[in-house]
Each structure stands twice: as structure tokens, then as C-alpha cells.
């Protein structure tokens, strides 16, 4: 994941397979920008604690074993909790013209409300 799409630190490792799959580790308080995906995505929390929030909706706190299906075109962000790193598997759903539209950063106020 490009560094300019994150606030904080993290790393991403591509996994094998025809579908785009990544093992992502985000450090404390690291979140990506709001974005939407043209083909959807599945996130599976493998360790730590994360937050997922769709634009205008309540946040979801993610624990190991939790999964989220993100429908195509849904503006959202995800990242690590304030006091925990967040490790997850990210799977891009297949389709044509799959891309992301990167939007604005998550504000401190939005993040702090989500992880309180």
C-alpha cells in the first residue's frame, strides 16, 4: 500500500492466488484515507484490534476472527485502534476496472470518536 494512503505506519505483503490478497499490518493509530473500491473488498482481522467505518455510519471495532464485506462503491476507511496494532487479510473482490478512489484523510475527531 502506498505510504501516501496511510497516516501512521504499516506494511503490506502480497499473498499468492489469482485474486488480489494481502496480509496487512498497521501500527497503533494508523488508518488509511477514506476511499471506495469499484469491486468491493473483504477484510478479515487476524490479530490486534481494528476499526472500520463507512461514511456517515457508526464504526465497527474489529477483533481476531471478525470479517467485513465492503460493497463496491462504499466510501470507508479502516485502520488500527488507538492502543493496538491491527493485522488483517484484505481480499479484493474480482471484477472489471477494479480500482480505488482515494478521498480525504480521516480527521482526528472522526478517528477519536470511532475508537473511544
Protein backbone atom coordinates (compact mmCIF):
# COMPACT_ATOMS: atom_id res chain seq x y z
CA UNK A 1 0.00 0.00 0.00
CA UNK A 2 1.41 3.35 -0.93
CA UNK A 3 2.62 5.35 2.04
CA UNK A 4 0.65 8.39 0.89
CA UNK A 5 -2.61 6.49 1.53
CA UNK A 6 -1.82 5.94 5.25
CA UNK A 7 -1.48 8.03 8.34
CA UNK A 8 0.92 6.33 10.75
CA UNK A 9 3.00 3.27 9.93
CA UNK A 10 2.30 -0.13 8.49
CA UNK A 11 3.33 -2.76 5.98
CA UNK A 12 1.61 -4.91 3.37
CA UNK A 13 2.65 -8.25 1.88
CA UNK A 14 1.05 -9.70 -1.26
CA UNK A 15 -0.26 -13.27 -0.92
CA UNK A 16 -0.45 -15.90 -3.66
CA UNK A 17 -3.51 -16.50 -5.80
CA UNK A 18 -5.48 -15.14 -8.72
CA UNK A 19 -7.40 -12.66 -6.58
CA UNK A 20 -5.54 -9.74 -5.06
CA UNK A 21 -4.89 -10.76 -1.46
CA UNK A 22 -2.70 -9.02 1.08
CA UNK A 23 -1.58 -9.52 4.64
CA UNK A 24 -1.63 -6.02 6.14
CA UNK A 25 -0.16 -4.94 9.48
CA UNK A 26 -0.96 -1.45 10.71
CA UNK A 27 0.70 0.10 13.74
CA UNK A 28 -1.15 1.87 16.56
CA UNK A 29 -3.42 4.66 15.25
CA UNK A 30 -2.54 4.01 11.59
CA UNK A 31 -5.53 4.41 9.27
CA UNK A 32 -5.90 4.71 5.53
CA UNK A 33 -7.66 7.57 3.78
CA UNK A 34 -11.37 7.42 3.10
CA UNK A 35 -11.77 5.56 -0.18
CA UNK A 36 -14.11 3.45 -2.22
CA UNK A 37 -13.40 0.36 -4.25
CA UNK A 38 -15.02 -0.32 -7.60
CA UNK A 39 -15.15 -4.09 -7.00
CA UNK A 40 -15.56 -4.43 -3.24
CA UNK A 41 -13.29 -5.98 -0.63
CA UNK A 42 -13.27 -8.45 2.24
CA UNK A 43 -11.29 -7.76 5.42
CA UNK A 44 -10.56 -10.49 7.99
CA UNK A 45 -8.97 -9.42 11.27
CA UNK A 46 -6.21 -11.87 12.24
CA UNK A 47 -4.66 -10.14 15.27
CA UNK A 48 -4.85 -6.96 17.29
CA UNK A 49 -7.80 -4.58 17.13
CA UNK A 50 -9.02 -2.53 14.20
CA UNK A 51 -11.71 -0.05 13.27
CA UNK A 52 -13.83 0.02 10.11
CA UNK A 53 -16.22 2.84 9.31
CA UNK A 54 -18.39 3.65 6.34
CA UNK A 55 -19.04 7.31 5.55
CA UNK A 56 -21.93 8.58 7.71
CA UNK A 57 -22.33 5.32 9.67
CA UNK A 58 -21.29 4.04 13.08
CA UNK A 59 -17.81 2.48 13.35
CA UNK A 60 -17.22 -1.23 13.83
CA UNK A 61 -14.43 -2.41 16.12
CA UNK A 62 -12.74 -5.50 14.67
CA UNK A 63 -11.22 -8.33 16.71
CA UNK A 64 -9.45 -11.52 15.56
CA UNK A 65 -11.87 -13.62 13.52
CA UNK A 66 -14.15 -10.70 12.59
CA UNK A 67 -14.79 -10.17 8.89
CA UNK A 68 -16.26 -7.27 6.93
CA UNK A 69 -17.60 -7.34 3.38
CA UNK A 70 -17.27 -3.89 1.80
CA UNK A 71 -19.69 -3.45 -1.10
CA UNK A 72 -18.46 -1.79 -4.29
CA UNK A 73 -18.63 2.00 -4.22
CA UNK A 74 -18.97 2.33 -0.43
CA UNK A 75 -16.81 5.17 0.93
CA UNK A 76 -15.00 3.96 4.05
CA UNK A 77 -11.73 3.69 5.94
CA UNK A 78 -10.11 1.08 8.16
CA UNK A 79 -7.15 1.05 10.47
CA UNK A 80 -5.64 0.20 13.83
CA UNK A 81 -7.10 1.00 17.23
CA UNK A 82 -5.55 3.75 19.34
CA UNK A 83 -3.78 1.28 21.64
CA UNK A 84 -3.28 -1.76 19.39
CA UNK A 85 -1.80 -2.74 16.07
CA UNK A 86 -4.17 -4.30 13.52
CA UNK A 87 -3.29 -7.30 11.38
CA UNK A 88 -5.70 -8.41 8.69
CA UNK A 89 -6.12 -10.20 5.40
CA UNK A 90 -7.51 -7.95 2.66
CA UNK A 91 -9.06 -9.62 -0.40
CA UNK A 92 -10.10 -7.55 -3.41
CA UNK A 93 -13.27 -8.93 -4.98
CA UNK A 94 -12.84 -9.78 -8.67
CA UNK A 95 -14.37 -7.70 -11.42
CA UNK A 96 -13.63 -5.35 -14.29
CA UNK A 97 -11.96 -1.97 -13.87
CA UNK A 98 -11.22 -2.61 -10.20
CA UNK A 99 -9.64 0.47 -8.73
CA UNK A 100 -9.76 2.68 -5.67
CA UNK A 101 -10.79 6.27 -5.45
CA UNK A 102 -8.73 7.76 -2.63
CA UNK A 103 -10.50 10.60 -0.85
CA UNK A 104 -9.82 12.81 2.15
CA UNK A 105 -7.91 11.81 5.30
CA UNK A 106 -9.78 10.69 8.39
CA UNK A 107 -9.76 13.63 10.81
CA UNK A 108 -8.52 13.25 14.37
CA UNK A 109 -12.07 13.99 15.55
CA UNK A 110 -13.56 11.23 13.35
CA UNK A 111 -10.91 8.73 14.45
CA UNK A 112 -11.17 9.58 18.17
CA UNK A 113 -14.98 9.20 18.10
CA UNK A 114 -14.63 5.83 16.35
CA UNK A 115 -12.15 4.29 18.80
CA UNK A 116 -13.45 5.76 22.09
